[in-house]
Protein backbone atom coordinates (compact mmCIF):
# COMPACT_ATOMS: atom_id res chain seq x y z
CA MET A 1 -4.11 24.81 0.38
CA ALA A 2 -0.92 24.49 -1.42
CA GLU A 3 -0.71 22.35 -4.25
CA GLN A 4 1.51 19.78 -4.31
CA ALA A 5 3.59 20.83 -7.31
CA SER A 6 5.84 17.50 -8.29
CA GLU A 7 9.59 18.16 -9.88
CA VAL A 8 9.74 17.11 -13.65
CA LEU A 9 11.43 13.95 -13.82
CA GLY A 10 13.42 14.61 -16.92
CA GLN A 11 15.87 12.05 -18.43
CA THR A 12 15.67 9.68 -15.62
CA VAL A 13 17.68 6.19 -15.16
CA LEU A 14 16.68 3.24 -13.49
CA MET A 15 18.55 1.04 -10.95
CA HIS A 16 16.85 -2.23 -10.35
CA VAL A 17 18.09 -4.31 -7.04
CA GLU A 18 17.89 -8.28 -7.38
CA LEU A 19 17.66 -9.21 -3.92
CA PRO A 20 17.13 -12.73 -2.76
CA ARG A 21 14.09 -12.44 -0.70
CA GLU A 22 10.35 -12.79 -1.61
CA GLU A 23 8.90 -10.24 0.52
CA ASN A 24 11.34 -7.65 -1.08
CA ARG A 25 11.59 -7.69 -4.24
CA GLU A 26 10.36 -5.62 -6.89
CA ASP A 27 9.17 -5.52 -11.19
CA LEU A 28 11.28 -4.03 -13.29
CA ASP A 29 8.55 -3.92 -16.14
CA GLU A 30 6.44 -2.34 -13.41
CA LEU A 31 8.49 0.45 -12.55
CA LEU A 32 9.34 1.44 -15.87
CA ARG A 33 4.83 2.41 -15.92
CA LEU A 34 5.45 4.11 -13.15
CA ALA A 35 8.63 6.62 -15.09
CA ALA A 36 6.65 6.59 -17.44
CA THR A 37 3.70 7.76 -16.00
CA ALA A 38 5.00 9.93 -13.55
CA GLY A 39 6.90 11.84 -16.44
CA GLY A 40 9.97 10.20 -16.79
CA SER A 41 10.95 10.62 -20.26
CA GLY A 42 14.41 8.44 -22.33
CA LEU A 43 13.98 5.74 -19.35
CA ARG A 44 17.36 3.41 -19.24
CA ALA A 45 17.71 0.41 -16.42
CA LEU A 46 20.75 -1.02 -15.29
CA VAL A 47 20.41 -4.61 -13.17
CA CYS A 48 22.55 -5.79 -10.59
CA LYS A 49 21.93 -8.57 -7.38
CA ARG A 50 22.81 -8.60 -4.32
CA ASP A 51 22.45 -10.00 -1.27
CA GLU A 52 21.86 -7.76 1.25
CA PRO A 53 21.75 -4.07 0.77
CA ASP A 54 25.27 -2.33 0.71
CA ALA A 55 24.57 0.28 4.46
CA ARG A 56 25.78 3.68 3.01
CA THR A 57 25.06 3.54 -0.84
CA PHE A 58 22.62 0.29 -1.44
CA ILE A 59 24.39 -0.85 -4.41
CA GLY A 60 27.91 -0.61 -2.84
CA ALA A 61 31.01 1.37 -4.58
CA GLY A 62 31.76 -0.07 -7.60
CA LYS A 63 27.97 0.31 -8.67
CA VAL A 64 27.63 3.21 -7.83
CA GLU A 65 30.75 4.53 -10.32
CA GLU A 66 28.63 1.89 -13.09
CA LEU A 67 25.66 4.63 -12.27
CA LYS A 68 27.32 7.65 -12.30
CA GLN A 69 28.77 6.74 -15.25
CA LEU A 70 25.86 5.63 -16.75
CA VAL A 71 23.90 9.16 -15.89
CA GLU A 72 26.60 10.75 -17.74
CA ALA A 73 26.46 9.12 -20.60
CA GLU A 74 22.47 9.70 -20.75
CA GLY A 75 22.71 13.47 -19.28
CA ALA A 76 19.90 12.07 -16.33
CA LYS A 77 17.94 14.61 -14.00
CA THR A 78 16.45 11.52 -12.47
CA VAL A 79 18.00 8.05 -10.64
CA ILE A 80 14.97 6.48 -9.22
CA PHE A 81 15.57 3.05 -7.51
CA ASN A 82 13.42 0.11 -7.09
CA ALA A 83 13.59 -0.24 -3.42
CA ARG A 84 13.37 1.61 -0.23
CA LEU A 85 16.51 3.45 0.54
CA SER A 86 17.41 5.46 4.26
CA PRO A 87 17.44 8.64 4.28
CA ALA A 88 21.69 8.81 4.52
CA GLN A 89 21.41 6.03 1.73
CA GLU A 90 19.07 8.37 -0.60
CA ARG A 91 21.93 11.89 0.42
CA ASN A 92 25.01 9.44 0.55
CA LEU A 93 24.07 8.45 -3.25
CA GLU A 94 22.85 12.15 -4.95
CA GLN A 95 26.29 13.31 -2.99
CA GLU A 96 27.72 11.10 -5.35
CA LEU A 97 25.76 11.25 -8.60
CA HIS A 98 25.04 14.79 -8.25
CA VAL A 99 21.32 14.80 -9.70
CA ARG A 100 18.41 13.37 -7.75
CA VAL A 101 17.48 10.22 -6.20
CA MET A 102 14.41 8.74 -5.57
CA ASP A 103 13.48 5.70 -4.01
CA ARG A 104 10.01 4.19 -5.06
CA ILE A 105 7.54 4.63 -2.24
CA ALA A 106 8.55 8.67 -3.83
CA LEU A 107 8.19 8.03 -7.44
CA ILE A 108 4.22 6.89 -6.57
CA LEU A 109 3.73 9.40 -4.09
CA ASP A 110 4.60 11.84 -6.82
CA ILE A 111 2.24 10.36 -8.76
CA PHE A 112 -0.06 10.14 -6.62
CA ALA A 113 0.30 13.63 -6.49
CA GLN A 114 -0.03 14.51 -9.87
CA ARG A 115 -3.37 12.25 -9.53
CA ALA A 116 -5.13 14.12 -7.09
CA ARG A 117 -7.80 15.88 -8.03
CA THR A 118 -10.18 16.89 -5.30
CA TYR A 119 -9.41 18.89 -1.88
CA GLU A 120 -9.67 15.38 -0.12
CA GLY A 121 -6.99 13.62 -2.29
CA LYS A 122 -4.94 16.20 -2.27
CA LEU A 123 -5.28 16.44 1.39
CA GLN A 124 -4.12 13.18 1.59
CA VAL A 125 -1.71 13.07 -1.04
CA GLU A 126 -0.01 16.06 1.47
CA LEU A 127 -0.64 14.30 4.70
CA ALA A 128 1.28 11.46 3.41
CA ARG A 129 4.57 13.26 1.93
CA LEU A 130 5.01 14.33 4.72
CA HIS A 131 5.02 11.59 7.29
CA TYR A 132 7.63 10.44 4.21
CA GLU A 133 9.69 13.39 3.84
CA GLN A 134 9.99 13.73 8.05
CA ALA A 135 12.45 11.21 8.37
CA ARG A 136 14.33 13.28 5.71
CA LEU A 137 14.23 16.92 6.89
CA VAL A 138 17.43 16.99 7.76
CA ARG A 139 19.21 17.26 3.65
CA GLY A 140 17.83 20.16 3.74
CA TRP A 141 19.67 22.83 5.80
CA THR A 142 23.05 20.64 4.95
CA HIS A 143 24.46 23.76 4.28
CA LEU A 144 23.75 25.11 7.82
CA GLU A 145 25.96 22.65 9.87
CA ARG A 146 28.66 23.37 9.63
CA GLN A 147 28.08 26.93 11.80
CA LYS A 148 29.44 27.57 15.07
CA GLY A 149 26.83 29.72 17.15
CA GLY A 150 28.91 32.45 19.39
CA PHE A 151 30.25 31.97 23.50
CA GLY A 152 28.02 29.46 25.35
CA LEU A 153 26.17 28.12 22.46
CA ARG A 154 26.67 24.34 21.61
CA GLY A 155 26.00 24.24 17.80
CA GLY A 156 24.51 26.62 15.49
CA PRO A 157 21.18 28.11 13.48
CA GLY A 158 21.31 24.77 11.85
CA GLU A 159 19.58 23.45 14.88
CA THR A 160 17.74 25.85 15.13
CA GLN A 161 16.67 26.24 11.73
CA ILE A 162 15.81 22.16 11.57
CA GLU A 163 13.67 22.84 14.32
CA LEU A 164 12.29 25.36 13.30
CA ASP A 165 11.53 23.59 9.87
CA ARG A 166 10.34 20.08 12.51
CA ARG A 167 8.03 21.69 14.04
CA ALA A 168 5.87 23.88 11.58
CA LEU A 169 6.28 20.33 9.26
CA ARG A 170 4.26 19.05 12.42
CA GLU A 171 1.41 21.84 13.00
CA ARG A 172 1.16 21.41 9.30
CA ILE A 173 0.06 17.81 9.69
CA ALA A 174 -1.36 18.16 12.69
CA ARG A 175 -3.55 20.81 10.81
CA ILE A 176 -4.37 18.48 7.85
CA LYS A 177 -5.61 15.54 9.62
CA SER A 178 -7.48 17.66 11.38
CA ASP A 179 -9.39 18.85 7.98
CA LEU A 180 -9.24 15.73 7.03
CA SER A 181 -11.27 14.68 10.09
CA VAL A 182 -14.35 17.35 9.09
CA VAL A 183 -14.71 16.12 5.38
CA ALA A 184 -14.09 11.83 7.01
CA ALA A 185 -16.83 13.04 8.99
CA ARG A 186 -19.11 14.34 5.68
CA ARG A 187 -18.45 11.32 3.40
CA GLU A 188 -19.71 9.60 6.75
CA GLN A 189 -22.73 11.55 6.34
CA ASN A 190 -23.10 10.07 3.36
CA ARG A 191 -23.23 6.86 3.89
CA THR A 192 -25.78 7.20 6.53
CA LYS A 193 -28.23 8.76 3.56
CA ARG A 194 -27.22 5.74 1.44
CA ARG A 195 -28.02 2.98 4.71
CA LYS A 196 -31.11 5.06 5.41
CA ASN A 197 -32.03 4.40 1.59
CA ALA A 198 -31.32 0.34 1.50
CA LEU A 199 -29.10 0.93 -1.40
CA PRO A 200 -25.63 -1.58 -1.44
CA LEU A 201 -23.09 -0.31 -1.96
CA ILE A 202 -20.94 -2.00 -5.09
CA SER A 203 -16.61 -1.31 -4.85
CA LEU A 204 -14.50 -1.83 -7.22
CA VAL A 205 -11.13 -2.74 -6.49
CA GLY A 206 -8.17 -4.22 -8.17
CA TYR A 207 -4.30 -4.10 -8.61
CA THR A 208 -4.48 -0.30 -10.19
CA ASN A 209 -3.98 -0.25 -14.25
CA ALA A 210 -6.92 -3.28 -13.82
CA GLY A 211 -9.50 -2.60 -15.51
CA LYS A 212 -12.08 -0.77 -13.14
CA SER A 213 -12.75 2.82 -14.40
CA SER A 214 -13.34 1.15 -17.97
CA LEU A 215 -15.45 -1.46 -15.96
CA PHE A 216 -17.07 1.50 -13.37
CA ASN A 217 -17.57 3.76 -17.57
CA TYR A 218 -19.80 0.37 -19.00
CA LEU A 219 -21.75 0.27 -16.07
CA THR A 220 -22.80 3.32 -15.20
CA LYS A 221 -22.18 5.50 -18.29
CA SER A 222 -20.10 7.58 -16.61
CA GLU A 223 -16.94 9.15 -18.05
CA VAL A 224 -14.81 8.59 -15.32
CA PHE A 225 -10.99 9.67 -16.62
CA ALA A 226 -8.98 5.69 -17.80
CA ALA A 227 -6.36 5.34 -19.72
CA ASP A 228 -3.49 2.52 -19.28
CA LEU A 229 -1.85 4.27 -17.31
CA LEU A 230 -1.12 2.93 -13.00
CA PHE A 231 -3.18 5.35 -10.90
CA ALA A 232 -5.35 7.08 -13.66
CA THR A 233 -8.15 7.42 -11.20
CA LEU A 234 -7.01 8.85 -7.68
CA ASP A 235 -10.49 10.21 -6.80
CA PRO A 236 -13.02 8.09 -5.50
CA THR A 237 -16.59 8.40 -7.40
CA LEU A 238 -19.15 7.23 -6.76
CA ARG A 239 -22.45 6.05 -9.22
CA SER A 240 -26.17 4.75 -8.69
CA ILE A 241 -27.56 2.86 -11.51
CA GLU A 242 -30.60 0.59 -11.59
CA LEU A 243 -29.53 -3.76 -11.64
CA PRO A 244 -32.20 -6.75 -12.87
CA GLY A 245 -33.28 -8.60 -10.09
CA ALA A 246 -31.58 -6.04 -7.14
CA GLY A 247 -33.08 -2.70 -8.08
CA LYS A 248 -31.12 0.50 -7.55
CA VAL A 249 -26.87 -0.26 -6.15
CA VAL A 250 -24.20 2.72 -5.92
CA LEU A 251 -21.60 1.62 -8.35
CA ALA A 252 -17.72 3.15 -6.30
CA ASP A 253 -14.43 3.37 -8.50
CA THR A 254 -11.27 3.50 -6.14
CA VAL A 255 -7.88 4.35 -6.29
CA GLY A 256 -6.19 1.04 -7.53
CA PHE A 257 -3.95 -1.03 -4.97
CA ILE A 258 -0.28 -1.98 -5.79
CA ARG A 259 1.97 -4.29 -4.36
CA HIS A 260 4.20 -2.97 -1.60
CA LEU A 261 1.67 -0.51 -1.50
CA PRO A 262 3.34 2.87 1.37
CA HIS A 263 1.90 2.56 5.00
CA ASP A 264 1.74 5.95 4.73
CA LEU A 265 -0.60 6.57 1.72
CA VAL A 266 -3.23 3.25 2.76
CA ALA A 267 -3.29 5.51 6.32
CA ALA A 268 -3.50 9.02 4.32
CA PHE A 269 -7.09 7.41 1.77
CA ARG A 270 -8.12 5.22 5.07
CA ALA A 271 -11.25 7.36 4.74
CA THR A 272 -12.04 6.85 0.92
CA LEU A 273 -10.78 2.96 1.39
CA GLU A 274 -13.08 2.24 3.70
CA GLU A 275 -15.96 2.67 0.86
CA SER A 276 -14.93 -0.88 -0.08
CA ALA A 277 -14.75 -1.98 4.02
CA GLN A 278 -17.99 -1.30 3.82
CA ALA A 279 -19.59 -1.96 0.67
CA ASP A 280 -21.96 -4.78 0.86
CA LEU A 281 -20.14 -6.75 -3.05
CA GLN A 282 -16.75 -6.17 -3.85
CA LEU A 283 -15.89 -6.55 -7.16
CA HIS A 284 -11.96 -7.84 -7.16
CA VAL A 285 -10.96 -6.47 -10.92
CA VAL A 286 -7.83 -8.58 -12.35
CA ASP A 287 -6.17 -8.29 -15.29
CA ALA A 288 -6.15 -11.47 -16.47
CA ALA A 289 -4.17 -11.22 -19.62
CA ASP A 290 -1.34 -10.12 -16.61
CA PRO A 291 1.47 -12.69 -16.12
CA ARG A 292 1.41 -11.76 -12.95
CA LEU A 293 -2.18 -12.11 -11.82
CA GLU A 294 -1.74 -14.33 -8.93
CA ASP A 295 1.04 -12.11 -7.37
CA ASN A 296 -1.66 -8.99 -8.19
CA ILE A 297 -4.02 -10.69 -5.84
CA LYS A 298 -2.19 -11.26 -2.93
CA ALA A 299 -0.67 -7.62 -3.33
CA VAL A 300 -4.56 -6.05 -3.65
CA GLU A 301 -5.70 -8.03 -0.54
CA ALA A 302 -2.83 -7.55 1.51
CA VAL A 303 -4.04 -3.85 1.47
CA LEU A 304 -7.19 -5.14 2.40
CA ALA A 305 -6.68 -6.93 4.89
CA GLN A 306 -4.92 -3.54 6.69
CA ILE A 307 -8.33 -1.65 6.12
CA ASP A 308 -9.97 -4.76 7.74
CA ALA A 309 -11.70 -5.03 4.81
CA LEU A 310 -11.33 -8.71 3.73
CA LYS A 311 -14.69 -9.21 5.59
CA VAL A 312 -16.61 -8.34 2.67
CA PRO A 313 -18.08 -11.26 0.26
CA ARG A 314 -15.84 -10.61 -2.80
CA LEU A 315 -16.22 -11.71 -6.88
CA LEU A 316 -13.53 -12.21 -8.57
CA VAL A 317 -14.04 -10.40 -12.27
CA PHE A 318 -11.14 -11.37 -14.46
CA ASN A 319 -11.07 -8.31 -17.42
CA LYS A 320 -9.04 -8.62 -20.46
CA ALA A 321 -10.21 -11.78 -21.10
CA ASP A 322 -10.44 -11.16 -24.88
CA LEU A 323 -6.31 -11.34 -25.02
CA VAL A 324 -6.03 -14.42 -23.05
CA GLU A 325 -5.79 -17.31 -24.84
CA GLY A 326 -9.00 -20.22 -24.50
CA MET A 327 -10.46 -17.90 -21.18
CA THR A 328 -14.62 -18.27 -22.16
CA VAL A 329 -16.14 -15.73 -21.54
CA GLY A 330 -19.28 -15.99 -18.76
CA LEU A 331 -20.04 -16.13 -15.59
CA VAL A 332 -18.06 -19.41 -13.91
CA ARG A 333 -19.10 -20.62 -10.48
CA ASP A 334 -18.26 -23.05 -7.15
CA ASP A 335 -19.43 -26.55 -6.75
CA SER A 336 -22.05 -25.18 -4.46
CA GLY A 337 -23.22 -22.79 -7.76
CA ARG A 338 -22.34 -20.16 -5.99
CA PRO A 339 -20.74 -17.13 -8.64
CA LEU A 340 -17.09 -17.23 -8.37
CA ARG A 341 -16.11 -15.56 -11.18
CA VAL A 342 -17.24 -13.84 -14.12
CA ASN A 343 -14.70 -13.51 -17.21
CA LEU A 344 -15.31 -10.76 -19.53
CA SER A 345 -14.10 -7.43 -21.51
CA ALA A 346 -14.95 -3.74 -20.47
CA LYS A 347 -14.03 -2.39 -23.57
CA SER A 348 -15.87 -4.56 -25.49
CA GLY A 349 -18.83 -5.09 -23.25
CA ALA A 350 -18.47 -8.87 -23.52
CA GLY A 351 -19.69 -10.81 -19.75
CA MET A 352 -21.22 -7.61 -18.72
CA ASP A 353 -25.30 -9.52 -19.23
CA ALA A 354 -22.79 -12.47 -16.61
CA LEU A 355 -21.31 -9.78 -14.26
CA LEU A 356 -25.04 -8.70 -13.38
CA THR A 357 -26.43 -11.55 -13.40
CA ALA A 358 -23.92 -12.05 -10.92
CA ILE A 359 -24.13 -9.58 -8.23
CA SER A 360 -27.56 -9.58 -8.76
CA GLU A 361 -27.18 -13.38 -7.15
CA LEU A 362 -24.72 -12.50 -4.60
CA ILE A 363 -26.98 -9.04 -3.74
CA SER A 364 -30.36 -11.02 -3.11
CA LEU A 365 -28.03 -14.17 -1.26
CA ASP A 366 -27.04 -11.11 2.18
CA LEU A 367 -30.42 -10.50 2.37
CA CYS A 368 -31.88 -12.03 5.45
CA GLU A 369 -35.31 -12.05 7.21
CA PHE A 370 -36.24 -13.13 10.49
CA THR A 371 -38.79 -12.08 13.61
CA ALA A 372 -36.43 -9.93 16.73
CA LYS A 373 -38.52 -9.56 20.11
CA ILE A 374 -37.77 -6.48 21.22
CA LEU A 375 -37.22 -4.89 24.64
CA PRO A 376 -39.23 -1.73 25.00
CA HIS A 377 -35.56 -0.37 26.27
CA GLU A 378 -33.96 -1.19 23.10
CA GLY A 379 -34.73 1.84 21.98
CA LYS A 380 -31.31 2.74 20.13
CA LEU A 381 -32.01 -1.04 18.91
CA LEU A 382 -35.31 -0.17 17.03
CA ALA A 383 -34.26 2.88 16.15
CA ALA A 384 -31.41 1.96 13.92
CA LEU A 385 -33.86 -0.68 12.70
CA TYR A 386 -36.09 1.81 11.14
CA ALA A 387 -33.36 3.99 9.95
CA LEU A 388 -32.44 1.46 7.17
CA LYS A 389 -36.14 0.38 7.05
CA ALA A 390 -35.94 -3.04 7.80
CA ILE A 391 -38.67 -3.45 9.49
CA THR A 392 -41.66 -4.77 7.82
CA HIS A 393 -44.41 -5.90 9.91
CA LEU A 394 -44.23 -4.67 13.27
CA GLU A 395 -46.71 -6.04 16.02
CA TYR A 396 -47.02 -5.64 20.34
CA THR A 397 -46.91 -8.97 22.78
CA ASP A 398 -48.98 -9.38 25.86
CA ASP A 399 -45.93 -8.77 28.05
CA GLY A 400 -45.08 -5.42 26.06
CA MET A 401 -42.56 -6.64 23.92
CA GLN A 402 -42.39 -5.46 19.82
CA LEU A 403 -42.41 -8.77 17.93
CA VAL A 404 -41.14 -7.70 14.79
CA THR A 405 -40.31 -8.97 11.58
CA VAL A 406 -36.91 -8.01 9.65
CA ARG A 407 -35.31 -7.95 5.92
CA ILE A 408 -31.98 -6.91 6.00
CA ARG A 409 -28.99 -7.89 3.81
CA ALA A 410 -26.18 -9.53 6.84
CA LEU A 411 -23.61 -6.96 6.73
CA GLU A 412 -26.05 -4.74 7.89
CA ALA A 413 -27.73 -6.90 10.66
CA ALA A 414 -23.84 -7.65 11.41
CA ARG A 415 -23.22 -4.14 12.31
CA ILE A 416 -26.19 -2.85 13.94
CA ASP A 417 -26.00 -5.90 15.97
CA LYS A 418 -22.11 -4.81 16.53
CA SER A 419 -23.01 -0.80 17.36
CA CYS A 420 -25.86 -2.14 19.79
CA GLY A 421 -23.62 -4.70 22.54
CA GLY A 422 -25.68 -7.21 20.50
CA ALA A 423 -28.92 -7.06 20.89
CA LEU A 424 -29.76 -7.85 18.04
CA ALA A 425 -28.42 -10.95 18.40
CA ARG A 426 -30.40 -11.42 21.91
CA ALA A 427 -33.51 -10.49 20.28
CA CYS A 428 -33.72 -13.04 16.96
CA GLU A 429 -35.56 -16.03 17.34
CA GLN A 430 -33.58 -17.84 14.69
CA ARG A 431 -30.70 -19.99 15.79
CA PRO A 432 -27.57 -19.96 14.21
CA LEU A 433 -27.89 -16.17 13.67
CA PRO A 434 -29.03 -15.28 10.01
CA TRP A 435 -25.97 -12.88 9.55
CA ALA A 436 -23.63 -15.15 11.54
CA ASP A 437 -22.23 -17.11 8.38
CA THR A 438 -21.24 -13.59 6.56
CA ALA A 439 -18.78 -12.23 10.08
CA GLU A 440 -15.17 -12.75 8.12
CA PHE A 441 -14.49 -14.08 4.53
CA ALA A 442 -11.29 -16.05 3.83
CA PRO A 443 -8.75 -14.36 1.10
CA ILE A 444 -9.41 -15.94 -2.33
CA ASN A 445 -8.83 -19.60 -2.54
CA LEU A 446 -5.70 -19.25 -5.80
CA ASP A 447 -6.82 -23.15 -6.79
CA LEU A 448 -10.01 -21.80 -7.86
CA LEU A 449 -8.85 -20.51 -10.41
CA ASN A 450 -7.87 -22.96 -12.61
CA ASN A 451 -11.46 -23.91 -12.52
């Protein structure tokens, strides 16, 4: 596939617009870090407040003139807006400022393009970028719009070229989706092998730069790239480790999330993010020293909801606890004694024993054991249980039914029951169903974080 080259940002000016509606607000410090991560230099920021965006330029004619003066004074080559621009706004601003103009989404896509290393990651990023550029395609051909056609023609070569380009883009998107479906099928095969080996999957999720990769490296003794950068890790990495009391498990390091993560990126990375949705346990890694801690937790859970991953049990991991005054390293439990949160430092290793204890307890809690009477025609159900090595004892009843003792993780039981049309629930002799209370987990109660 073609490499996705990212343009050098060079000297960069940031345009931060403060809007009254909370869902439209962005963080200027985060924009500064994003721009630095993407390679911007000499970062200068211009801040303004607006009740609502200007339809033509987002910031209005007066502020455009002020921005233009700053761009000329700094010798800037790029202007980045901390908001989403429409194609028309972006085009108008470039005509006024005579430099490249990007919005926050284009900046994130640019970082992802730089970070992608694997074949799948590069395909996913290219797909997201093509979807984003579809609406902006006309910008590349405005020089042809003035051309006139000959007799009997309305419009000119410009229209034809645009349509040809759109068709090529649609065909490229279709090819990428086809290639990604093949990669996704291979990934599903790997998941099936893990299930057959009865290995629990533990997925690291969290806001970008919370320390997931550092934690992953400490637990697995690996050397996955970890740095004080946003989106330092993009491609998922899996390693198996041995846990005391829980045996061998698979640990998955995944891409970090961010506030208002572009929808096209979530869609493109859905197959990769399904490692989190298919996990037996999520370790939600949080930067305990970040002043926007609660907002970051909500942003992560918003993405987990988009990929249907909120049903998976989660353990909060407060990383960088050594940087927070008064925070004690160790395990925090809820009123029922269940592990709620672990305070630790992935850099120093403090609190790791408490984390391993919490993981072992939660993995064990997810195991359920019950007996089931399986009818002779329920071969699919029986095969699924055998594939997971979940049947520990089998005997036949006088009426030809198979009486089996099943030991299985609750989430796997729920998945098998769903795929077999409720056959496992009908066969199970225990009521209430031992996996019923694992069907859905509510978002984290932020009031408990102060316990």
